[in-house]
Amino acid sequence: MHEIVIDQSKGLARASLSGVMTMDDRMAVMEALSKPETRAACPYTIIDLSGVDTDSDTWEEIEFARSISRFTAAFEGRHTAVIVNPAFLVSSMVCWNLQNLGIRITDFYTEAEARAWLNEAEAA
């Protein structure tokens, strides 16, 4: 089950994905995160891929990164944390590629670490 939570009081948009990601799933998440009202209300984004089905190919994570790259403008000026499943060996590569697109992304393995990083970014 995939879930998108927009918490305007915290300025946080959070997308949690689990199971197998289809192209429709990926595009729905990116479209929700890139809406102008979401961008205006939420300067912080967490994309949680830790529940993605690791029995599917790591290609799923690469494809999700490509989906993000299609929506690069949606992430400009936002602090974004990606929580990845350690079973994906390509996690670091995917995050590095996204950073090259100008998206500020750090990969974390727990939500607590991601939230700590977002708090540091806010305090800076």
C-alpha atoms as a PDB file:
ATOM      1  CA  MET A   1       0.000   0.000   0.000  1.00  0.00           C
ATOM      2  CA  HIS A   2       1.275   3.438  -0.911  1.00  0.00           C
ATOM      3  CA  GLU A   3       0.538   6.480   1.217  1.00  0.00           C
ATOM      4  CA  ILE A   4       1.102  10.200   0.810  1.00  0.00           C
ATOM      5  CA  VAL A   5       0.747  12.442   3.862  1.00  0.00           C
ATOM      6  CA  ILE A   6       0.859  16.228   3.586  1.00  0.00           C
ATOM      7  CA  ASP A   7       1.365  17.782   7.026  1.00  0.00           C
ATOM      8  CA  GLN A   8       1.213  21.536   6.495  1.00  0.00           C
ATOM      9  CA  SER A   9       1.629  22.255  10.212  1.00  0.00           C
ATOM     10  CA  LYS A  10       5.104  20.667  10.055  1.00  0.00           C
ATOM     11  CA  GLY A  11       5.799  21.732   6.466  1.00  0.00           C
ATOM     12  CA  LEU A  12       6.368  18.084   5.603  1.00  0.00           C
ATOM     13  CA  ALA A  13       5.251  15.979   2.656  1.00  0.00           C
ATOM     14  CA  ARG A  14       5.827  12.270   3.196  1.00  0.00           C
ATOM     15  CA  ALA A  15       5.404   9.528   0.623  1.00  0.00           C
ATOM     16  CA  SER A  16       5.631   5.932   1.828  1.00  0.00           C
ATOM     17  CA  LEU A  17       5.776   3.185  -0.751  1.00  0.00           C
ATOM     18  CA  SER A  18       5.564  -0.508  -0.107  1.00  0.00           C
ATOM     19  CA  GLY A  19       5.114  -3.635  -2.142  1.00  0.00           C
ATOM     20  CA  VAL A  20       5.630  -3.464  -5.891  1.00  0.00           C
ATOM     21  CA  MET A  21       5.726  -0.037  -7.519  1.00  0.00           C
ATOM     22  CA  THR A  22       3.987   0.353 -10.850  1.00  0.00           C
ATOM     23  CA  MET A  23       4.552   3.244 -13.230  1.00  0.00           C
ATOM     24  CA  ASP A  24       1.131   4.583 -12.192  1.00  0.00           C
ATOM     25  CA  ASP A  25       2.188   4.466  -8.530  1.00  0.00           C
ATOM     26  CA  ARG A  26       5.384   6.344  -9.224  1.00  0.00           C
ATOM     27  CA  MET A  27       3.678   9.013 -11.286  1.00  0.00           C
ATOM     28  CA  ALA A  28       0.867   9.472  -8.735  1.00  0.00           C
ATOM     29  CA  VAL A  29       3.408  10.051  -5.960  1.00  0.00           C
ATOM     30  CA  MET A  30       5.428  12.522  -8.008  1.00  0.00           C
ATOM     31  CA  GLU A  31       2.328  14.393  -9.142  1.00  0.00           C
ATOM     32  CA  ALA A  32       1.087  14.684  -5.541  1.00  0.00           C
ATOM     33  CA  LEU A  33       4.454  15.944  -4.305  1.00  0.00           C
ATOM     34  CA  SER A  34       4.815  18.424  -7.153  1.00  0.00           C
ATOM     35  CA  LYS A  35       1.438  20.172  -6.800  1.00  0.00           C
ATOM     36  CA  PRO A  36       1.993  23.926  -6.336  1.00  0.00           C
ATOM     37  CA  GLU A  37       0.033  23.962  -3.066  1.00  0.00           C
ATOM     38  CA  THR A  38       2.157  21.113  -1.705  1.00  0.00           C
ATOM     39  CA  ARG A  39       5.386  22.798  -2.754  1.00  0.00           C
ATOM     40  CA  ALA A  40       4.275  26.059  -1.130  1.00  0.00           C
ATOM     41  CA  ALA A  41       3.175  24.440   2.140  1.00  0.00           C
ATOM     42  CA  CYS A  42       5.878  21.791   2.513  1.00  0.00           C
ATOM     43  CA  PRO A  43       9.546  22.711   2.101  1.00  0.00           C
ATOM     44  CA  TYR A  44      10.522  19.290   3.498  1.00  0.00           C
ATOM     45  CA  THR A  45       9.936  15.943   1.823  1.00  0.00           C
ATOM     46  CA  ILE A  46      10.536  12.372   2.941  1.00  0.00           C
ATOM     47  CA  ILE A  47      10.257   9.628   0.345  1.00  0.00           C
ATOM     48  CA  ASP A  48      10.245   6.268   2.102  1.00  0.00           C
ATOM     49  CA  LEU A  49      11.159   3.388  -0.178  1.00  0.00           C
ATOM     50  CA  SER A  50      12.048   1.031   2.665  1.00  0.00           C
ATOM     51  CA  GLY A  51       8.901  -1.044   2.242  1.00  0.00           C
ATOM     52  CA  VAL A  52       9.332  -1.635  -1.472  1.00  0.00           C
ATOM     53  CA  ASP A  53       9.254  -5.293  -2.439  1.00  0.00           C
ATOM     54  CA  THR A  54      12.865  -6.443  -2.574  1.00  0.00           C
ATOM     55  CA  ASP A  55      11.853  -9.546  -4.481  1.00  0.00           C
ATOM     56  CA  SER A  56      11.180  -7.306  -7.428  1.00  0.00           C
ATOM     57  CA  ASP A  57      14.172  -6.129  -9.378  1.00  0.00           C
ATOM     58  CA  THR A  58      16.296  -3.246  -8.106  1.00  0.00           C
ATOM     59  CA  TRP A  59      15.192  -1.748 -11.390  1.00  0.00           C
ATOM     60  CA  GLU A  60      12.107  -0.543  -9.486  1.00  0.00           C
ATOM     61  CA  GLU A  61      14.202   1.841  -7.441  1.00  0.00           C
ATOM     62  CA  ILE A  62      16.067   3.061 -10.511  1.00  0.00           C
ATOM     63  CA  GLU A  63      12.759   3.654 -12.253  1.00  0.00           C
ATOM     64  CA  PHE A  64      11.486   5.601  -9.233  1.00  0.00           C
ATOM     65  CA  ALA A  65      14.593   7.782  -9.424  1.00  0.00           C
ATOM     66  CA  ARG A  66      13.793   8.431 -13.070  1.00  0.00           C
ATOM     67  CA  SER A  67      10.273   9.415 -12.076  1.00  0.00           C
ATOM     68  CA  ILE A  68      11.730  11.910  -9.596  1.00  0.00           C
ATOM     69  CA  SER A  69      14.038  13.290 -12.276  1.00  0.00           C
ATOM     70  CA  ARG A  70      11.019  14.060 -14.461  1.00  0.00           C
ATOM     71  CA  PHE A  71       9.717  16.263 -11.662  1.00  0.00           C
ATOM     72  CA  THR A  72      13.001  17.990 -10.796  1.00  0.00           C
ATOM     73  CA  ALA A  73      11.373  21.437 -10.535  1.00  0.00           C
ATOM     74  CA  ALA A  74       9.079  20.123  -7.812  1.00  0.00           C
ATOM     75  CA  PHE A  75      12.098  19.564  -5.566  1.00  0.00           C
ATOM     76  CA  GLU A  76      13.962  22.817  -6.199  1.00  0.00           C
ATOM     77  CA  GLY A  77      14.518  24.654  -2.942  1.00  0.00           C
ATOM     78  CA  ARG A  78      13.141  21.762  -0.894  1.00  0.00           C
ATOM     79  CA  HIS A  79      14.974  19.553   1.557  1.00  0.00           C
ATOM     80  CA  THR A  80      14.375  15.964   0.550  1.00  0.00           C
ATOM     81  CA  ALA A  81      15.337  12.796   2.379  1.00  0.00           C
ATOM     82  CA  VAL A  82      15.057   9.369   0.803  1.00  0.00           C
ATOM     83  CA  ILE A  83      14.739   6.341   3.081  1.00  0.00           C
ATOM     84  CA  VAL A  84      15.931   3.322   1.176  1.00  0.00           C
ATOM     85  CA  ASN A  85      15.771  -0.397   1.755  1.00  0.00           C
ATOM     86  CA  PRO A  86      19.289  -1.665   2.529  1.00  0.00           C
ATOM     87  CA  ALA A  87      18.562  -4.656   0.280  1.00  0.00           C
ATOM     88  CA  PHE A  88      18.776  -2.346  -2.721  1.00  0.00           C
ATOM     89  CA  LEU A  89      22.427  -2.308  -3.646  1.00  0.00           C
ATOM     90  CA  VAL A  90      21.882   0.618  -5.997  1.00  0.00           C
ATOM     91  CA  SER A  91      20.598   2.974  -3.298  1.00  0.00           C
ATOM     92  CA  SER A  92      23.704   5.128  -3.059  1.00  0.00           C
ATOM     93  CA  MET A  93      24.041   5.296  -6.815  1.00  0.00           C
ATOM     94  CA  VAL A  94      20.425   6.359  -7.210  1.00  0.00           C
ATOM     95  CA  CYS A  95      20.770   9.127  -4.608  1.00  0.00           C
ATOM     96  CA  TRP A  96      24.031  10.300  -6.177  1.00  0.00           C
ATOM     97  CA  ASN A  97      22.373  10.520  -9.583  1.00  0.00           C
ATOM     98  CA  LEU A  98      19.499  12.536  -8.155  1.00  0.00           C
ATOM     99  CA  GLN A  99      21.909  14.928  -6.451  1.00  0.00           C
ATOM    100  CA  ASN A 100      23.516  15.471  -9.845  1.00  0.00           C
ATOM    101  CA  LEU A 101      20.108  16.609 -11.062  1.00  0.00           C
ATOM    102  CA  GLY A 102      20.203  19.346  -8.422  1.00  0.00           C
ATOM    103  CA  ILE A 103      17.837  17.591  -6.011  1.00  0.00           C
ATOM    104  CA  ARG A 104      19.126  17.730  -2.443  1.00  0.00           C
ATOM    105  CA  ILE A 105      18.779  14.121  -1.390  1.00  0.00           C
ATOM    106  CA  THR A 106      20.445  12.128   1.334  1.00  0.00           C
ATOM    107  CA  ASP A 107      19.822   8.452   1.795  1.00  0.00           C
ATOM    108  CA  PHE A 108      18.870   7.196   5.229  1.00  0.00           C
ATOM    109  CA  TYR A 109      17.874   3.838   6.570  1.00  0.00           C
ATOM    110  CA  THR A 110      15.413   4.969   9.216  1.00  0.00           C
ATOM    111  CA  GLU A 111      12.767   7.633   9.469  1.00  0.00           C
ATOM    112  CA  ALA A 112      14.360   8.906  12.687  1.00  0.00           C
ATOM    113  CA  GLU A 113      17.605   9.628  10.839  1.00  0.00           C
ATOM    114  CA  ALA A 114      15.711  11.362   8.050  1.00  0.00           C
ATOM    115  CA  ARG A 115      13.776  13.532  10.491  1.00  0.00           C
ATOM    116  CA  ALA A 116      16.992  14.418  12.343  1.00  0.00           C
ATOM    117  CA  TRP A 117      18.565  15.540   9.068  1.00  0.00           C
ATOM    118  CA  LEU A 118      15.505  17.627   8.190  1.00  0.00           C
ATOM    119  CA  ASN A 119      15.641  19.268  11.627  1.00  0.00           C
ATOM    120  CA  GLU A 120      19.310  20.109  11.075  1.00  0.00           C
ATOM    121  CA  ALA A 121      18.501  21.559   7.650  1.00  0.00           C
ATOM    122  CA  GLU A 122      15.785  23.720   9.170  1.00  0.00           C
ATOM    123  CA  ALA A 123      18.091  24.976  11.933  1.00  0.00           C
ATOM    124  CA  ALA A 124      20.846  25.916   9.470  1.00  0.00           C
END
